Amino acid sequence: MIIALAVAILSTAACKSAYELVLEGNDIDLKYATAFDNFENGKYSKAARMFESLSPLVRGSEREDTVQYYWGLSNYKFKDYYTAETNFASFITTFPLSPFAESATYYRIDCMFRTTLRYELDQTPTRKTVAAISEYLTDFPDTPYRDECTRMLENLGDRLDKKAFENARLYYKMEDYKAANVALKNVLKDNSDNRYREDILYTLALASFKYAELSYPEKQKERFLLFVDDYLNFVGEYPESDYRRELDSHYRRAQRFLGRNTNVIADLDETEAEE
C-alpha cells in the first residue's frame, strides 16, 4: 500500500511541468528569474501567477515593490484590467515613494479608463477616472504620459457630454416638449461648453416650436415668441449650421402666426419662401 502511494506521488510529480514545480516551490531566486523570463517572452498569465506566488515570499525585502509592480503589469499586459487596477491601486498605497510609483499610477488610470462603460450606462466610473487623471496630471506635471491622458480626458468628456444631452433629448423623443425644454436648458446651465451644444440648441428650438404648435390657442402667441428667442439664439451661434434650413422653415411659420414680416430670411430658395 505504501509503495503504491509513493509510486502515485512520484507519477504525479513527473507529470508536472518545470513551471508548475517552480510555482509550487519556495526557491525565491528561481521563482524571480522564471517570472521575468515568462514576462519578457510575452507569457503574461504565467508571469502574473509567478509574481503573485512570490509576493508573500519577498515581503519586507528590496524586491517587494518590483514584484508587486510587475505582478500588476503582467495582468495589464494580459488585458486583465480589473485585476491589474486592483494591483496598481494597492501598489500606490503601499509604495508611494517607489521609482515605479508614477508608472503604476498611470497604468491604474489606464485600467480604469479601459473598464469604463459606454455613454448609455452608468457614468460613475467615468467621473472617477476623470478625477483620477486630473489628480495624476497635477501630481506628475512632467509625465511622459501627458498626451495619452489628454486623449483619455477628451474621450471621457465627450462621453459625459453625450450622456447629458441624450438624457435630456429623451423627453423630446417622448414628445414631452415642455420637459425637454427645461432639461436641455439645464444641460447648458450645468456645462455651457458641452460638446453637443449645437445639437442641444437645435433640439431646444424644435421642442419650443412643437410645444407652441400643440398649445391651446390662447397660449400659442406667448409660446411662439419663446420659440423665436430660441431660434435667434441658435442662428446667432451657428449661422451656417446644417440645421438652419429646417429651423428657418419653422421660424417663418411662427412669424406668419405672429403676423410679422417673413422676408428676413434671405438665403432660402423661392419655393420655401412662398410656402
C-alpha atoms as a PDB file:
ATOM      1  CA  MET A   1       0.000   0.000   0.000  1.00  0.00           C
ATOM      2  CA  ILE A   2       2.796   2.418   0.991  1.00  0.00           C
ATOM      3  CA  ILE A   3       4.755   1.517  -2.127  1.00  0.00           C
ATOM      4  CA  ALA A   4       1.721   2.109  -4.312  1.00  0.00           C
ATOM      5  CA  LEU A   5       1.147   5.522  -2.742  1.00  0.00           C
ATOM      6  CA  ALA A   6       4.776   6.501  -3.256  1.00  0.00           C
ATOM      7  CA  VAL A   7       4.584   5.453  -6.914  1.00  0.00           C
ATOM      8  CA  ALA A   8       1.414   7.547  -7.339  1.00  0.00           C
ATOM      9  CA  ILE A   9       3.093  10.605  -5.808  1.00  0.00           C
ATOM     10  CA  LEU A  10       6.169  10.228  -7.998  1.00  0.00           C
ATOM     11  CA  SER A  11       3.980   9.762 -11.053  1.00  0.00           C
ATOM     12  CA  THR A  12       2.060  12.942 -10.303  1.00  0.00           C
ATOM     13  CA  ALA A  13       5.269  14.879  -9.812  1.00  0.00           C
ATOM     14  CA  ALA A  14       6.630  13.553 -13.081  1.00  0.00           C
ATOM     15  CA  CYS A  15       3.559  14.859 -14.910  1.00  0.00           C
ATOM     16  CA  LYS A  16       4.071  18.397 -13.642  1.00  0.00           C
ATOM     17  CA  SER A  17       5.850  20.904 -15.835  1.00  0.00           C
ATOM     18  CA  ALA A  18       9.027  22.652 -14.764  1.00  0.00           C
ATOM     19  CA  TYR A  19       6.975  25.859 -14.446  1.00  0.00           C
ATOM     20  CA  GLU A  20       4.487  24.235 -12.050  1.00  0.00           C
ATOM     21  CA  LEU A  21       7.273  22.783  -9.924  1.00  0.00           C
ATOM     22  CA  VAL A  22       8.880  26.232  -9.599  1.00  0.00           C
ATOM     23  CA  LEU A  23       5.481  27.819  -8.904  1.00  0.00           C
ATOM     24  CA  GLU A  24       4.818  25.428  -6.040  1.00  0.00           C
ATOM     25  CA  GLY A  25       8.344  25.683  -4.636  1.00  0.00           C
ATOM     26  CA  ASN A  26       9.921  28.243  -2.322  1.00  0.00           C
ATOM     27  CA  ASP A  27      13.141  28.997  -4.188  1.00  0.00           C
ATOM     28  CA  ILE A  28      12.842  32.799  -4.370  1.00  0.00           C
ATOM     29  CA  ASP A  29      15.675  33.364  -6.852  1.00  0.00           C
ATOM     30  CA  LEU A  30      14.402  30.669  -9.206  1.00  0.00           C
ATOM     31  CA  LYS A  31      10.817  31.941  -8.997  1.00  0.00           C
ATOM     32  CA  TYR A  32      12.002  35.522  -9.585  1.00  0.00           C
ATOM     33  CA  ALA A  33      14.003  34.531 -12.664  1.00  0.00           C
ATOM     34  CA  THR A  34      11.176  32.373 -14.000  1.00  0.00           C
ATOM     35  CA  ALA A  35       8.647  35.180 -13.532  1.00  0.00           C
ATOM     36  CA  PHE A  36      10.757  37.640 -15.535  1.00  0.00           C
ATOM     37  CA  ASP A  37      11.570  35.034 -18.161  1.00  0.00           C
ATOM     38  CA  ASN A  38       7.870  34.495 -18.763  1.00  0.00           C
ATOM     39  CA  PHE A  39       7.191  38.246 -18.737  1.00  0.00           C
ATOM     40  CA  GLU A  40       9.921  39.005 -21.256  1.00  0.00           C
ATOM     41  CA  ASN A  41       8.661  36.233 -23.534  1.00  0.00           C
ATOM     42  CA  GLY A  42       5.111  37.544 -23.515  1.00  0.00           C
ATOM     43  CA  LYS A  43       3.693  34.782 -21.315  1.00  0.00           C
ATOM     44  CA  TYR A  44       1.898  37.280 -19.142  1.00  0.00           C
ATOM     45  CA  SER A  45      -0.590  34.958 -17.483  1.00  0.00           C
ATOM     46  CA  LYS A  46       2.194  32.681 -16.289  1.00  0.00           C
ATOM     47  CA  ALA A  47       4.273  35.673 -15.231  1.00  0.00           C
ATOM     48  CA  ALA A  48       1.357  37.057 -13.199  1.00  0.00           C
ATOM     49  CA  ARG A  49       0.893  33.748 -11.375  1.00  0.00           C
ATOM     50  CA  MET A  50       4.580  33.541 -10.584  1.00  0.00           C
ATOM     51  CA  PHE A  51       4.804  37.132  -9.350  1.00  0.00           C
ATOM     52  CA  GLU A  52       1.704  36.532  -7.231  1.00  0.00           C
ATOM     53  CA  SER A  53       3.291  33.441  -5.664  1.00  0.00           C
ATOM     54  CA  LEU A  54       6.449  35.478  -4.979  1.00  0.00           C
ATOM     55  CA  SER A  55       4.572  38.293  -3.283  1.00  0.00           C
ATOM     56  CA  PRO A  56       4.421  36.844   0.254  1.00  0.00           C
ATOM     57  CA  LEU A  57       7.950  35.455  -0.022  1.00  0.00           C
ATOM     58  CA  VAL A  58       9.618  38.816  -0.703  1.00  0.00           C
ATOM     59  CA  ARG A  59       7.568  40.884   1.759  1.00  0.00           C
ATOM     60  CA  GLY A  60       9.825  43.395   3.506  1.00  0.00           C
ATOM     61  CA  SER A  61      12.735  42.824   1.094  1.00  0.00           C
ATOM     62  CA  GLU A  62      14.174  45.174  -1.513  1.00  0.00           C
ATOM     63  CA  ARG A  63      12.482  43.122  -4.206  1.00  0.00           C
ATOM     64  CA  GLU A  64       8.971  43.643  -2.835  1.00  0.00           C
ATOM     65  CA  ASP A  65       7.979  46.727  -4.873  1.00  0.00           C
ATOM     66  CA  THR A  66       9.449  45.225  -8.057  1.00  0.00           C
ATOM     67  CA  VAL A  67       7.468  42.011  -7.633  1.00  0.00           C
ATOM     68  CA  GLN A  68       4.251  43.879  -6.816  1.00  0.00           C
ATOM     69  CA  TYR A  69       4.667  46.254  -9.761  1.00  0.00           C
ATOM     70  CA  TYR A  70       5.367  43.513 -12.291  1.00  0.00           C
ATOM     71  CA  TRP A  71       2.509  41.443 -10.935  1.00  0.00           C
ATOM     72  CA  GLY A  72       0.204  44.301 -11.869  1.00  0.00           C
ATOM     73  CA  LEU A  73       1.982  44.925 -15.165  1.00  0.00           C
ATOM     74  CA  SER A  74       1.699  41.252 -16.118  1.00  0.00           C
ATOM     75  CA  ASN A  75      -2.055  41.336 -15.535  1.00  0.00           C
ATOM     76  CA  TYR A  76      -2.225  44.584 -17.519  1.00  0.00           C
ATOM     77  CA  LYS A  77      -0.335  43.054 -20.449  1.00  0.00           C
ATOM     78  CA  PHE A  78      -2.632  40.031 -20.246  1.00  0.00           C
ATOM     79  CA  LYS A  79      -5.547  42.517 -20.549  1.00  0.00           C
ATOM     80  CA  ASP A  80      -6.998  41.559 -17.187  1.00  0.00           C
ATOM     81  CA  TYR A  81      -7.649  45.212 -16.454  1.00  0.00           C
ATOM     82  CA  TYR A  82      -9.874  44.717 -13.424  1.00  0.00           C
ATOM     83  CA  THR A  83      -7.218  42.680 -11.580  1.00  0.00           C
ATOM     84  CA  ALA A  84      -4.413  44.947 -12.765  1.00  0.00           C
ATOM     85  CA  GLU A  85      -6.254  48.036 -11.477  1.00  0.00           C
ATOM     86  CA  THR A  86      -6.506  46.390  -8.061  1.00  0.00           C
ATOM     87  CA  ASN A  87      -2.798  45.517  -8.196  1.00  0.00           C
ATOM     88  CA  PHE A  88      -1.744  49.060  -9.059  1.00  0.00           C
ATOM     89  CA  ALA A  89      -4.094  50.673  -6.531  1.00  0.00           C
ATOM     90  CA  SER A  90      -2.553  48.527  -3.795  1.00  0.00           C
ATOM     91  CA  PHE A  91       0.944  49.293  -5.076  1.00  0.00           C
ATOM     92  CA  ILE A  92       0.396  53.068  -4.993  1.00  0.00           C
ATOM     93  CA  THR A  93      -0.854  52.911  -1.420  1.00  0.00           C
ATOM     94  CA  THR A  94       1.955  50.648  -0.228  1.00  0.00           C
ATOM     95  CA  PHE A  95       4.880  52.136  -2.166  1.00  0.00           C
ATOM     96  CA  PRO A  96       4.195  55.845  -2.783  1.00  0.00           C
ATOM     97  CA  LEU A  97       7.932  56.621  -2.987  1.00  0.00           C
ATOM     98  CA  SER A  98       8.886  53.719  -5.256  1.00  0.00           C
ATOM     99  CA  PRO A  99      10.577  54.508  -8.595  1.00  0.00           C
ATOM    100  CA  PHE A 100       7.647  52.647 -10.132  1.00  0.00           C
ATOM    101  CA  ALA A 101       5.022  54.881  -8.451  1.00  0.00           C
ATOM    102  CA  GLU A 102       4.404  57.218 -11.397  1.00  0.00           C
ATOM    103  CA  SER A 103       4.102  54.401 -13.934  1.00  0.00           C
ATOM    104  CA  ALA A 104       1.895  52.397 -11.600  1.00  0.00           C
ATOM    105  CA  THR A 105      -0.398  55.412 -11.196  1.00  0.00           C
ATOM    106  CA  TYR A 106      -0.653  55.852 -14.952  1.00  0.00           C
ATOM    107  CA  TYR A 107      -1.332  52.161 -15.579  1.00  0.00           C
ATOM    108  CA  ARG A 108      -4.003  52.173 -12.896  1.00  0.00           C
ATOM    109  CA  ILE A 109      -5.678  55.109 -14.659  1.00  0.00           C
ATOM    110  CA  ASP A 110      -5.428  53.325 -17.992  1.00  0.00           C
ATOM    111  CA  CYS A 111      -7.083  50.248 -16.448  1.00  0.00           C
ATOM    112  CA  MET A 112      -9.858  52.467 -15.067  1.00  0.00           C
ATOM    113  CA  PHE A 113     -10.310  54.049 -18.500  1.00  0.00           C
ATOM    114  CA  ARG A 114     -10.485  50.703 -20.266  1.00  0.00           C
ATOM    115  CA  THR A 115     -13.189  49.449 -17.885  1.00  0.00           C
ATOM    116  CA  THR A 116     -15.462  52.489 -18.086  1.00  0.00           C
ATOM    117  CA  LEU A 117     -18.879  51.981 -19.649  1.00  0.00           C
ATOM    118  CA  ARG A 118     -20.402  53.289 -22.870  1.00  0.00           C
ATOM    119  CA  TYR A 119     -22.342  56.517 -22.518  1.00  0.00           C
ATOM    120  CA  GLU A 120     -25.785  54.878 -22.272  1.00  0.00           C
ATOM    121  CA  LEU A 121     -24.808  53.190 -18.996  1.00  0.00           C
ATOM    122  CA  ASP A 122     -23.808  54.408 -15.537  1.00  0.00           C
ATOM    123  CA  GLN A 123     -21.091  57.057 -15.821  1.00  0.00           C
ATOM    124  CA  THR A 124     -19.903  56.931 -12.212  1.00  0.00           C
ATOM    125  CA  PRO A 125     -16.701  55.065 -13.284  1.00  0.00           C
ATOM    126  CA  THR A 126     -16.170  57.713 -15.971  1.00  0.00           C
ATOM    127  CA  ARG A 127     -16.326  60.554 -13.446  1.00  0.00           C
ATOM    128  CA  LYS A 128     -13.945  58.702 -11.110  1.00  0.00           C
ATOM    129  CA  THR A 129     -11.493  58.220 -13.955  1.00  0.00           C
ATOM    130  CA  VAL A 130     -11.651  61.900 -14.946  1.00  0.00           C
ATOM    131  CA  ALA A 131     -10.902  62.860 -11.338  1.00  0.00           C
ATOM    132  CA  ALA A 132      -8.013  60.362 -11.178  1.00  0.00           C
ATOM    133  CA  ILE A 133      -6.473  61.700 -14.406  1.00  0.00           C
ATOM    134  CA  SER A 134      -6.747  65.299 -13.214  1.00  0.00           C
ATOM    135  CA  GLU A 135      -5.063  64.402  -9.923  1.00  0.00           C
ATOM    136  CA  TYR A 136      -2.334  62.480 -11.751  1.00  0.00           C
ATOM    137  CA  LEU A 137      -1.539  65.412 -14.057  1.00  0.00           C
ATOM    138  CA  THR A 138      -1.318  67.688 -11.007  1.00  0.00           C
ATOM    139  CA  ASP A 139       0.980  65.303  -9.138  1.00  0.00           C
ATOM    140  CA  PHE A 140       3.149  64.500 -12.182  1.00  0.00           C
ATOM    141  CA  PRO A 141       3.088  67.598 -14.446  1.00  0.00           C
ATOM    142  CA  ASP A 142       6.082  66.386 -16.475  1.00  0.00           C
ATOM    143  CA  THR A 143       4.735  62.893 -17.062  1.00  0.00           C
ATOM    144  CA  PRO A 144       5.663  61.263 -20.378  1.00  0.00           C
ATOM    145  CA  TYR A 145       2.065  60.027 -20.492  1.00  0.00           C
ATOM    146  CA  ARG A 146       0.507  63.506 -20.778  1.00  0.00           C
ATOM    147  CA  ASP A 147      -0.653  63.025 -24.374  1.00  0.00           C
ATOM    148  CA  GLU A 148      -2.300  59.706 -23.512  1.00  0.00           C
ATOM    149  CA  CYS A 149      -4.039  61.318 -20.528  1.00  0.00           C
ATOM    150  CA  THR A 150      -5.254  64.202 -22.681  1.00  0.00           C
ATOM    151  CA  ARG A 151      -6.749  61.746 -25.178  1.00  0.00           C
ATOM    152  CA  MET A 152      -8.466  59.877 -22.352  1.00  0.00           C
ATOM    153  CA  LEU A 153      -9.918  63.106 -20.962  1.00  0.00           C
ATOM    154  CA  GLU A 154     -11.247  64.045 -24.403  1.00  0.00           C
ATOM    155  CA  ASN A 155     -12.890  60.660 -24.797  1.00  0.00           C
ATOM    156  CA  LEU A 156     -14.399  60.666 -21.317  1.00  0.00           C
ATOM    157  CA  GLY A 157     -15.529  64.276 -21.577  1.00  0.00           C
ATOM    158  CA  ASP A 158     -17.299  63.533 -24.838  1.00  0.00           C
ATOM    159  CA  ARG A 159     -18.989  60.546 -23.214  1.00  0.00           C
ATOM    160  CA  LEU A 160     -20.258  62.611 -20.285  1.00  0.00           C
ATOM    161  CA  ASP A 161     -21.477  65.392 -22.569  1.00  0.00           C
ATOM    162  CA  LYS A 162     -23.309  62.953 -24.795  1.00  0.00           C
ATOM    163  CA  LYS A 163     -24.875  61.260 -21.785  1.00  0.00           C
ATOM    164  CA  ALA A 164     -26.206  64.598 -20.532  1.00  0.00           C
ATOM    165  CA  PHE A 165     -27.548  65.538 -23.962  1.00  0.00           C
ATOM    166  CA  GLU A 166     -29.180  62.192 -24.663  1.00  0.00           C
ATOM    167  CA  ASN A 167     -30.821  62.105 -21.229  1.00  0.00           C
ATOM    168  CA  ALA A 168     -32.399  65.498 -21.910  1.00  0.00           C
ATOM    169  CA  ARG A 169     -33.319  64.631 -25.501  1.00  0.00           C
ATOM    170  CA  LEU A 170     -35.217  61.606 -24.228  1.00  0.00           C
ATOM    171  CA  TYR A 171     -38.041  63.951 -23.166  1.00  0.00           C
ATOM    172  CA  TYR A 172     -38.199  65.266 -26.734  1.00  0.00           C
ATOM    173  CA  LYS A 173     -38.409  61.739 -28.115  1.00  0.00           C
ATOM    174  CA  MET A 174     -41.221  61.068 -25.639  1.00  0.00           C
ATOM    175  CA  GLU A 175     -42.967  64.195 -27.026  1.00  0.00           C
ATOM    176  CA  ASP A 176     -42.897  65.897 -23.640  1.00  0.00           C
ATOM    177  CA  TYR A 177     -41.722  69.156 -25.181  1.00  0.00           C
ATOM    178  CA  LYS A 178     -42.074  71.299 -22.071  1.00  0.00           C
ATOM    179  CA  ALA A 179     -39.926  68.922 -20.029  1.00  0.00           C
ATOM    180  CA  ALA A 180     -37.449  68.680 -22.942  1.00  0.00           C
ATOM    181  CA  ASN A 181     -37.106  72.461 -22.967  1.00  0.00           C
ATOM    182  CA  VAL A 182     -36.320  72.554 -19.245  1.00  0.00           C
ATOM    183  CA  ALA A 183     -33.944  69.567 -19.366  1.00  0.00           C
ATOM    184  CA  LEU A 184     -31.975  70.865 -22.350  1.00  0.00           C
ATOM    185  CA  LYS A 185     -31.557  74.301 -20.768  1.00  0.00           C
ATOM    186  CA  ASN A 186     -30.339  72.641 -17.589  1.00  0.00           C
ATOM    187  CA  VAL A 187     -27.677  70.745 -19.561  1.00  0.00           C
ATOM    188  CA  LEU A 188     -26.261  74.044 -20.786  1.00  0.00           C
ATOM    189  CA  LYS A 189     -26.667  75.618 -17.364  1.00  0.00           C
ATOM    190  CA  ASP A 190     -24.539  72.829 -15.889  1.00  0.00           C
ATOM    191  CA  ASN A 191     -21.977  72.962 -18.692  1.00  0.00           C
ATOM    192  CA  SER A 192     -22.185  75.739 -21.266  1.00  0.00           C
ATOM    193  CA  ASP A 193     -19.234  74.218 -23.146  1.00  0.00           C
ATOM    194  CA  ASN A 194     -20.952  70.881 -23.758  1.00  0.00           C
ATOM    195  CA  ARG A 195     -19.509  69.363 -26.943  1.00  0.00           C
ATOM    196  CA  TYR A 196     -23.032  68.825 -28.235  1.00  0.00           C
ATOM    197  CA  ARG A 197     -24.059  72.448 -27.764  1.00  0.00           C
ATOM    198  CA  GLU A 198     -25.201  72.852 -31.385  1.00  0.00           C
ATOM    199  CA  ASP A 199     -27.407  69.746 -31.154  1.00  0.00           C
ATOM    200  CA  ILE A 200     -28.738  70.876 -27.785  1.00  0.00           C
ATOM    201  CA  LEU A 201     -29.722  74.345 -29.045  1.00  0.00           C
ATOM    202  CA  TYR A 202     -31.252  72.819 -32.171  1.00  0.00           C
ATOM    203  CA  THR A 203     -33.331  70.319 -30.173  1.00  0.00           C
ATOM    204  CA  LEU A 204     -34.283  73.085 -27.746  1.00  0.00           C
ATOM    205  CA  ALA A 205     -35.614  75.204 -30.605  1.00  0.00           C
ATOM    206  CA  LEU A 206     -37.525  72.241 -32.032  1.00  0.00           C
ATOM    207  CA  ALA A 207     -39.056  71.494 -28.637  1.00  0.00           C
ATOM    208  CA  SER A 208     -40.127  75.128 -28.254  1.00  0.00           C
ATOM    209  CA  PHE A 209     -41.732  75.157 -31.701  1.00  0.00           C
ATOM    210  CA  LYS A 210     -43.622  71.915 -31.177  1.00  0.00           C
ATOM    211  CA  TYR A 211     -44.721  72.986 -27.700  1.00  0.00           C
ATOM    212  CA  ALA A 212     -46.135  76.222 -29.158  1.00  0.00           C
ATOM    213  CA  GLU A 213     -47.722  74.474 -32.131  1.00  0.00           C
ATOM    214  CA  LEU A 214     -49.565  71.999 -29.904  1.00  0.00           C
ATOM    215  CA  SER A 215     -50.640  74.534 -27.278  1.00  0.00           C
ATOM    216  CA  TYR A 216     -54.137  75.901 -26.696  1.00  0.00           C
ATOM    217  CA  PRO A 217     -54.772  78.906 -28.993  1.00  0.00           C
ATOM    218  CA  GLU A 218     -54.698  81.382 -26.113  1.00  0.00           C
ATOM    219  CA  LYS A 219     -51.181  80.197 -25.200  1.00  0.00           C
ATOM    220  CA  GLN A 220     -49.682  79.989 -28.683  1.00  0.00           C
ATOM    221  CA  LYS A 221     -48.584  83.603 -29.135  1.00  0.00           C
ATOM    222  CA  GLU A 222     -46.573  83.595 -25.919  1.00  0.00           C
ATOM    223  CA  ARG A 223     -45.001  80.248 -26.761  1.00  0.00           C
ATOM    224  CA  PHE A 224     -44.193  81.080 -30.382  1.00  0.00           C
ATOM    225  CA  LEU A 225     -42.383  84.157 -29.061  1.00  0.00           C
ATOM    226  CA  LEU A 226     -40.304  81.854 -26.864  1.00  0.00           C
ATOM    227  CA  PHE A 227     -39.512  79.738 -29.915  1.00  0.00           C
ATOM    228  CA  VAL A 228     -38.397  82.866 -31.785  1.00  0.00           C
ATOM    229  CA  ASP A 229     -35.962  83.611 -28.944  1.00  0.00           C
ATOM    230  CA  ASP A 230     -34.575  80.067 -29.107  1.00  0.00           C
ATOM    231  CA  TYR A 231     -34.336  80.266 -32.896  1.00  0.00           C
ATOM    232  CA  LEU A 232     -32.445  83.560 -32.803  1.00  0.00           C
ATOM    233  CA  ASN A 233     -30.084  82.190 -30.157  1.00  0.00           C
ATOM    234  CA  PHE A 234     -29.344  79.225 -32.394  1.00  0.00           C
ATOM    235  CA  VAL A 235     -28.733  81.143 -35.642  1.00  0.00           C
ATOM    236  CA  GLY A 236     -26.691  83.711 -33.738  1.00  0.00           C
ATOM    237  CA  GLU A 237     -24.241  80.983 -32.699  1.00  0.00           C
ATOM    238  CA  TYR A 238     -24.492  78.658 -35.685  1.00  0.00           C
ATOM    239  CA  PRO A 239     -25.484  80.667 -38.773  1.00  0.00           C
ATOM    240  CA  GLU A 240     -24.036  78.054 -41.147  1.00  0.00           C
ATOM    241  CA  SER A 241     -25.467  75.018 -39.384  1.00  0.00           C
ATOM    242  CA  ASP A 242     -26.906  72.109 -41.327  1.00  0.00           C
ATOM    243  CA  TYR A 243     -29.978  72.506 -39.094  1.00  0.00           C
ATOM    244  CA  ARG A 244     -30.556  76.067 -40.306  1.00  0.00           C
ATOM    245  CA  ARG A 245     -32.897  75.286 -43.185  1.00  0.00           C
ATOM    246  CA  GLU A 246     -35.288  73.274 -41.023  1.00  0.00           C
ATOM    247  CA  LEU A 247     -35.369  75.878 -38.278  1.00  0.00           C
ATOM    248  CA  ASP A 248     -35.792  78.702 -40.811  1.00  0.00           C
ATOM    249  CA  SER A 249     -38.926  76.964 -42.056  1.00  0.00           C
ATOM    250  CA  HIS A 250     -40.309  76.776 -38.507  1.00  0.00           C
ATOM    251  CA  TYR A 251     -39.364  80.409 -37.951  1.00  0.00           C
ATOM    252  CA  ARG A 252     -41.389  81.529 -40.969  1.00  0.00           C
ATOM    253  CA  ARG A 253     -44.386  79.583 -39.702  1.00  0.00           C
ATOM    254  CA  ALA A 254     -44.061  81.233 -36.303  1.00  0.00           C
ATOM    255  CA  GLN A 255     -43.733  84.663 -37.904  1.00  0.00           C
ATOM    256  CA  ARG A 256     -46.839  84.108 -40.008  1.00  0.00           C
ATOM    257  CA  PHE A 257     -48.731  83.164 -36.880  1.00  0.00           C
ATOM    258  CA  LEU A 258     -47.464  86.261 -35.123  1.00  0.00           C
ATOM    259  CA  GLY A 259     -48.316  88.409 -38.165  1.00  0.00           C
ATOM    260  CA  ARG A 260     -44.792  89.628 -38.748  1.00  0.00           C
ATOM    261  CA  ASN A 261     -42.729  90.140 -41.898  1.00  0.00           C
ATOM    262  CA  THR A 262     -41.227  86.830 -43.051  1.00  0.00           C
ATOM    263  CA  ASN A 263     -38.810  88.332 -45.614  1.00  0.00           C
ATOM    264  CA  VAL A 264     -35.942  88.446 -43.120  1.00  0.00           C
ATOM    265  CA  ILE A 265     -34.740  85.050 -44.331  1.00  0.00           C
ATOM    266  CA  ALA A 266     -32.728  85.785 -47.448  1.00  0.00           C
ATOM    267  CA  ASP A 267     -30.894  82.554 -48.058  1.00  0.00           C
ATOM    268  CA  LEU A 268     -33.808  80.176 -48.688  1.00  0.00           C
ATOM    269  CA  ASP A 269     -34.969  79.045 -52.111  1.00  0.00           C
ATOM    270  CA  GLU A 270     -38.105  80.620 -53.589  1.00  0.00           C
ATOM    271  CA  THR A 271     -40.212  77.508 -53.178  1.00  0.00           C
ATOM    272  CA  GLU A 272     -39.708  77.529 -49.425  1.00  0.00           C
ATOM    273  CA  ALA A 273     -40.152  81.309 -49.204  1.00  0.00           C
ATOM    274  CA  GLU A 274     -43.596  81.025 -50.794  1.00  0.00           C
ATOM    275  CA  GLU A 275     -44.625  78.149 -48.545  1.00  0.00           C
END
